Protein backbone atom coordinates (compact mmCIF):
# COMPACT_ATOMS: atom_id res chain seq x y z
CA MET A 1 -60.77 145.05 87.47
CA GLY A 2 -59.32 148.19 86.40
CA GLY A 3 -60.95 149.66 83.53
CA GLY A 4 -59.98 150.94 80.34
CA GLY A 5 -56.87 148.75 79.82
CA LYS A 6 -56.31 146.72 76.57
CA SER A 7 -55.42 142.99 76.77
CA LYS A 8 -52.20 141.67 75.09
CA SER A 9 -52.68 139.21 72.19
CA ALA A 10 -50.31 136.21 71.43
CA PRO A 11 -47.48 136.91 68.92
CA ALA A 12 -48.06 135.70 65.36
CA PRO A 13 -46.21 132.45 64.47
CA ILE A 14 -43.11 132.71 62.33
CA TYR A 15 -42.82 130.11 59.50
CA MET A 16 -39.19 129.14 58.47
CA PRO A 17 -38.84 127.93 54.81
CA PRO A 18 -37.22 124.48 54.35
CA PRO A 19 -33.55 124.43 53.33
CA PRO A 20 -33.01 124.30 49.56
CA ASP A 21 -32.75 120.77 48.01
CA ASN A 22 -29.53 120.65 45.97
CA THR A 23 -29.50 116.85 45.53
CA PHE A 24 -30.05 117.06 41.80
CA SER A 25 -27.35 119.64 41.30
CA GLN A 26 -24.93 117.51 43.27
CA PHE A 27 -25.87 114.47 41.19
CA LEU A 28 -25.44 116.49 38.04
CA GLN A 29 -22.08 117.73 39.21
CA TYR A 30 -21.02 114.17 40.10
CA SER A 31 -22.15 112.86 36.74
CA GLN A 32 -20.26 115.57 34.93
CA GLY A 33 -17.18 114.77 37.00
CA GLN A 34 -17.44 111.10 36.07
CA GLU A 35 -17.75 111.90 32.39
CA GLN A 36 -14.75 114.19 32.55
CA ARG A 37 -12.67 111.59 34.31
CA ALA A 38 -13.71 109.02 31.71
CA THR A 39 -12.83 111.44 28.96
CA ASP A 40 -9.51 112.25 30.56
CA ARG A 41 -8.74 108.56 31.03
CA ALA A 42 -9.62 107.75 27.44
CA ALA A 43 -7.47 110.63 26.26
CA GLN A 44 -4.62 109.40 28.45
CA LEU A 45 -4.92 105.86 27.13
CA LEU A 46 -4.92 107.18 23.59
CA GLN A 47 -1.89 109.25 24.33
CA ASP A 48 -0.18 106.25 25.93
CA ASP A 49 -0.88 104.19 22.82
CA LYS A 50 0.51 106.96 20.64
CA ASP A 51 3.57 107.20 22.83
CA LYS A 52 4.06 103.43 22.66
CA GLU A 53 3.64 103.44 18.88
CA THR A 54 6.06 106.34 18.59
CA ALA A 55 8.52 104.52 20.82
CA ARG A 56 8.04 101.30 18.84
CA LYS A 57 8.71 103.03 15.55
CA ALA A 58 11.67 104.82 17.03
CA PHE A 59 12.99 101.45 18.23
CA GLY A 60 12.48 100.03 14.75
CA VAL A 61 14.29 102.93 13.12
CA ALA A 62 17.14 102.64 15.59
CA GLY A 63 17.54 98.90 14.97
CA PHE A 64 17.20 98.96 11.19
CA GLY A 65 20.75 100.08 10.56
CA GLY A 66 22.16 97.30 12.73
CA LEU A 67 19.98 94.70 11.03
CA ARG A 68 21.07 95.85 7.57
CA SER A 69 24.75 95.78 8.52
CA GLY A 70 24.40 92.37 10.10
CA LEU A 71 22.68 90.90 7.06
CA GLU A 72 25.31 92.36 4.73
CA SER A 73 28.04 90.82 6.87
CA GLN A 74 26.34 87.41 6.88
CA LEU A 75 25.83 87.64 3.12
CA ARG A 76 29.52 88.39 2.57
CA GLN A 77 30.50 85.38 4.68
CA GLY A 78 28.07 83.09 2.89
CA LEU A 79 26.10 82.46 6.08
CA ILE A 80 22.82 83.54 4.50
CA THR A 81 21.41 83.63 0.99
CA TYR A 82 20.46 86.80 -0.83
CA ASP A 83 16.78 85.81 -0.82
CA ASP A 84 16.79 85.24 2.94
CA ALA A 85 18.56 88.55 3.58
CA SER A 86 16.18 90.60 1.41
CA ASN A 87 13.15 88.85 2.91
CA LYS A 88 14.32 89.69 6.43
CA LEU A 89 14.69 93.37 5.52
CA ARG A 90 11.19 93.52 4.06
CA ALA A 91 9.68 91.66 7.02
CA TYR A 92 11.36 94.12 9.42
CA GLY A 93 10.00 97.04 7.40
CA ASP A 94 6.47 95.65 7.54
CA LYS A 95 6.71 95.16 11.29
CA TYR A 96 7.84 98.72 12.05
CA GLU A 97 6.10 100.45 9.12
CA LEU A 98 9.37 101.37 7.46
CA ASN A 99 10.28 101.50 3.79
CA PRO A 100 13.15 99.02 3.33
CA GLU A 101 13.39 99.21 -0.47
CA GLU A 102 16.44 101.44 -0.51
CA ALA A 103 18.26 99.00 1.78
CA VAL A 104 17.08 96.07 -0.35
CA ASN A 105 18.35 97.78 -3.49
CA ASN A 106 21.73 98.37 -1.86
CA LEU A 107 21.83 94.73 -0.82
CA THR A 108 20.96 93.66 -4.36
CA SER A 109 23.73 95.83 -5.78
CA LEU A 110 26.24 94.41 -3.30
CA TYR A 111 25.27 90.84 -4.09
CA SER A 112 24.98 91.17 -7.88
CA ASN A 113 28.01 93.36 -8.56
CA GLU A 114 30.45 92.29 -5.87
CA LEU A 115 29.66 88.95 -4.27
CA LEU A 116 27.94 86.84 -6.95
CA PRO A 117 30.59 87.13 -9.70
CA GLY A 118 33.36 86.09 -7.31
CA ARG A 119 31.36 83.18 -5.97
CA ARG A 120 30.48 81.98 -9.46
CA ALA A 121 34.14 82.20 -10.51
CA ARG A 122 35.20 80.11 -7.51
CA SER A 123 32.39 77.62 -8.11
CA THR A 124 33.36 77.37 -11.77
CA ALA A 125 36.97 76.60 -10.88
CA ALA A 126 35.85 74.01 -8.31
CA ALA A 127 33.54 72.32 -10.84
CA TYR A 128 36.32 72.02 -13.44
CA ARG A 129 38.75 70.61 -10.89
CA GLU A 130 36.18 68.18 -9.53
CA LEU A 131 34.95 66.84 -12.87
CA LEU A 132 37.86 67.35 -15.27
CA GLY A 133 40.82 67.41 -12.90
CA ARG A 134 42.07 70.82 -14.07
CA ASP A 135 41.46 74.55 -13.68
CA PRO A 136 39.33 76.30 -16.31
CA THR A 137 41.05 78.43 -18.91
CA GLU A 138 40.55 82.19 -18.94
CA LYS A 139 38.16 81.82 -21.89
CA GLU A 140 36.18 79.06 -20.15
CA THR A 141 35.85 81.24 -17.05
CA LYS A 142 34.65 84.19 -19.12
CA ASP A 143 32.22 82.09 -21.16
CA THR A 144 30.77 80.53 -18.01
CA ALA A 145 30.33 83.95 -16.38
CA GLU A 146 28.41 85.12 -19.46
CA LEU A 147 26.17 82.05 -19.33
CA PHE A 148 25.39 82.78 -15.68
CA ALA A 149 24.73 86.45 -16.40
CA GLY A 150 22.47 85.61 -19.34
CA GLY A 151 20.40 83.16 -17.32
CA ASP A 152 21.53 80.07 -19.26
CA TYR A 153 22.90 78.70 -15.98
CA SER A 154 20.75 79.31 -12.92
CA SER A 155 22.97 77.34 -10.54
CA VAL A 156 26.38 75.66 -10.33
CA GLN A 157 24.64 72.33 -10.86
CA ASP A 158 23.66 73.51 -14.35
CA LEU A 159 27.36 74.05 -15.09
CA LYS A 160 28.25 70.62 -13.74
CA ASP A 161 25.55 68.96 -15.82
CA SER A 162 26.97 70.67 -18.91
CA LEU A 163 30.50 69.47 -18.12
CA LEU A 164 29.28 65.92 -17.54
CA LYS A 165 27.75 65.88 -21.02
CA GLY A 166 30.82 67.42 -22.66
CA PRO A 167 33.30 65.44 -24.81
CA GLU A 168 36.22 66.03 -22.44
CA TYR A 169 34.49 64.37 -19.51
CA GLN A 170 33.05 61.63 -21.73
CA ASP A 171 36.54 60.89 -23.03
CA LYS A 172 38.11 61.06 -19.58
CA PHE A 173 35.62 58.83 -17.80
CA GLN A 174 33.31 56.04 -18.78
CA THR A 175 29.81 57.22 -17.89
CA SER A 176 27.64 54.63 -19.59
CA TYR A 177 26.59 51.42 -17.91
CA LEU A 178 28.04 49.38 -20.80
CA GLY A 179 31.37 51.21 -20.69
CA ASN A 180 31.70 50.68 -16.95
CA TYR A 181 30.74 47.04 -17.42
CA TYR A 182 33.51 46.51 -20.00
CA ASP A 183 36.00 48.33 -17.75
CA THR A 184 35.13 45.91 -14.96
CA MET A 185 35.15 42.78 -17.12
CA TYR A 186 38.16 43.40 -19.37
CA GLY A 187 40.10 46.29 -17.84
CA LYS A 188 40.36 49.99 -18.63
CA GLU A 189 40.11 51.07 -22.23
CA GLU A 190 43.51 51.58 -23.88
CA ARG A 191 44.59 54.93 -25.29
CA ASP A 192 46.82 55.86 -28.19
CA THR A 193 49.93 58.05 -28.07
CA GLU A 194 47.74 61.17 -28.09
CA GLY A 195 45.69 59.94 -25.15
CA LYS A 196 42.61 59.18 -27.21
CA ARG A 197 40.50 56.11 -26.52
CA THR A 198 41.12 53.20 -28.89
CA GLY A 199 38.07 51.12 -28.03
CA LYS A 200 40.37 48.21 -27.11
CA ARG A 201 41.20 46.62 -23.80
CA ALA A 202 43.83 44.17 -22.56
CA PHE A 203 42.46 41.16 -20.70
CA LYS A 204 44.89 39.18 -18.51
CA PHE A 205 44.55 35.41 -18.74
CA ASP A 206 46.42 32.76 -16.74
CA THR A 207 47.17 29.90 -19.13
CA ASN A 208 47.98 27.63 -16.18
CA LEU A 209 44.25 27.47 -15.47
CA LEU A 210 43.63 25.80 -18.84
CA PRO A 211 43.76 21.94 -18.90
CA THR A 212 46.16 20.25 -21.36
CA TYR A 213 46.49 16.91 -23.08
CA ALA A 214 48.01 14.13 -21.03
CA ALA A 215 51.35 12.77 -22.22
CA GLY A 216 50.97 10.61 -25.30
CA THR A 217 47.36 11.61 -26.04
CA GLU A 218 47.87 14.84 -27.97
CA GLY A 219 46.90 14.44 -31.59
CA LYS A 220 44.98 11.19 -31.16
CA THR A 221 41.68 13.01 -31.57
CA GLY A 222 42.80 14.72 -34.72
CA VAL A 223 42.07 18.10 -33.13
CA SER A 224 44.69 20.61 -32.00
CA ILE A 225 43.93 23.43 -29.57
CA PRO A 226 45.10 27.03 -30.13
CA LYS A 227 47.90 28.55 -28.11
CA PHE A 228 46.48 31.22 -25.81
CA GLY A 229 48.76 33.98 -24.61
CA ASP A 230 48.82 35.56 -21.16
CA THR A 231 47.15 38.73 -22.49
CA LEU A 232 44.15 38.97 -24.79
CA SER A 233 43.76 42.28 -26.59
CA GLY A 234 40.93 43.71 -28.66
CA THR A 235 37.55 45.35 -28.62
CA PRO A 236 34.90 44.07 -26.18
CA ALA A 237 33.35 41.99 -28.98
CA GLU A 238 36.74 40.49 -29.88
CA LEU A 239 37.52 39.77 -26.24
CA GLU A 240 34.15 38.10 -25.78
CA GLU A 241 34.90 35.86 -28.77
CA GLN A 242 38.37 35.00 -27.48
CA THR A 243 37.17 34.25 -23.95
CA GLN A 244 34.39 32.12 -25.41
CA ASN A 245 37.04 30.18 -27.34
CA ILE A 246 38.88 29.60 -24.06
CA ARG A 247 35.70 28.33 -22.42
CA ASP A 248 34.96 26.06 -25.39
CA THR A 249 38.53 24.72 -25.33
CA ARG A 250 38.37 24.02 -21.63
CA LYS A 251 35.06 22.23 -22.08
CA TYR A 252 36.46 20.21 -25.00
CA LEU A 253 39.57 19.12 -23.08
CA TYR A 254 37.55 18.03 -20.08
CA SER A 255 35.10 16.21 -22.33
CA ALA A 256 37.96 14.52 -24.17
CA GLY A 257 39.47 13.46 -20.89
CA LEU A 258 36.20 12.00 -19.70
CA THR A 259 35.69 10.26 -23.05
CA ASN A 260 39.19 8.79 -22.86
CA LEU A 261 38.57 7.65 -19.31
CA GLN A 262 35.27 6.09 -20.32
CA GLY A 263 37.03 4.31 -23.21
CA ASP A 264 39.60 2.82 -20.84
CA ILE A 265 36.81 1.69 -18.52
CA ASP A 266 34.95 0.11 -21.42
CA LYS A 267 38.12 -1.68 -22.55
CA GLU A 268 38.78 -3.09 -19.10
CA THR A 269 35.16 -4.14 -18.80
CA GLN A 270 35.24 -5.91 -22.14
CA LYS A 271 38.54 -7.56 -21.24
CA LEU A 272 37.02 -8.88 -18.06
CA LYS A 273 34.01 -10.10 -20.00
CA ASN A 274 36.23 -11.83 -22.55
CA GLU A 275 38.37 -13.48 -19.91
CA GLY A 276 35.25 -14.55 -18.06
CA ALA A 277 33.84 -16.06 -21.23
CA LYS A 278 37.07 -17.98 -21.81
CA ASP A 279 36.99 -19.31 -18.27
CA ILE A 280 33.37 -20.37 -18.69
CA ALA A 281 34.23 -22.11 -21.97
CA LYS A 282 37.12 -23.95 -20.33
CA ILE A 283 34.91 -25.02 -17.45
CA SER A 284 32.22 -26.14 -19.84
CA SER A 285 34.73 -28.10 -21.93
CA ALA A 286 36.15 -29.75 -18.87
CA GLY A 287 32.66 -30.65 -17.76
CA ASP A 288 31.95 -32.32 -21.07
CA ILE A 289 35.15 -34.35 -20.77
CA TYR A 290 34.28 -35.46 -17.29
CA LYS A 291 30.77 -36.30 -18.41
CA GLY A 292 32.12 -38.43 -21.26
CA LEU A 293 34.48 -40.29 -19.00
CA VAL A 294 31.75 -41.05 -16.54
CA GLY A 295 29.48 -42.23 -19.33
CA SER A 296 32.13 -44.71 -20.60
CA PHE A 297 31.96 -46.77 -17.47
CA SER A 298 29.19 -49.33 -17.00
CA PHE A 299 28.04 -50.13 -13.55
CA ASN A 300 25.65 -52.95 -14.49
């Protein structure tokens, strides 16, 4: 071997570090991204709700004017009551978070100052025509309007009840059960020249329905019957007395007729009895004669 030469040693190993582990940072970044997206989505949903609420309120504001005009029109035409109209305005305001009080006040002013007085005047006139058959006077219309305004009348029915209790209606129509009964039984109550009720009635009576004495029998009983006219006039009490007299007379005449008929039957019966007794006496007498004749002969 040659001398003096140095031997070559093996190269030192080179160690490569492992690649950095960024798993955690990626997870952190992912988590942060998720949170941001959730935040953004929540913010978007909130904004959407706000936009919807804004749109809803805007829709309510836009429709409020039309609703108010429609309700006023219906109120003018009598298609809806004031209470219903005002309640609808308030309900609409609650739904869309609006303040409807100004509109309600305007509606109240329209109804109270313009519509209600005219309606009450027409209702007053209708009530007078319906119950009294005439239009109210100017004073009656004014007085009734004041009673409505003061709260004495709360409805047209209150006015009608007052008219029904008034003297004019009471004089014009019979409203009591007893008065209607007398009208039915004896006819309508008579009035004087001024049109006032007299308390009297005229009852029509057909004298042909009353029995009479047979020819030759009138006066035999010693009782004479009154002469009834075709018309009975008087108060209900007087008419009741007169009609009772008619009933008593009818009963008497029928009873007298039956009594007379029974008397004739009794007479004929007694006559037959008497004639029968005579015949029996004759037969008995003849029998005695024959018996005597037979006894005068001797057969011994």
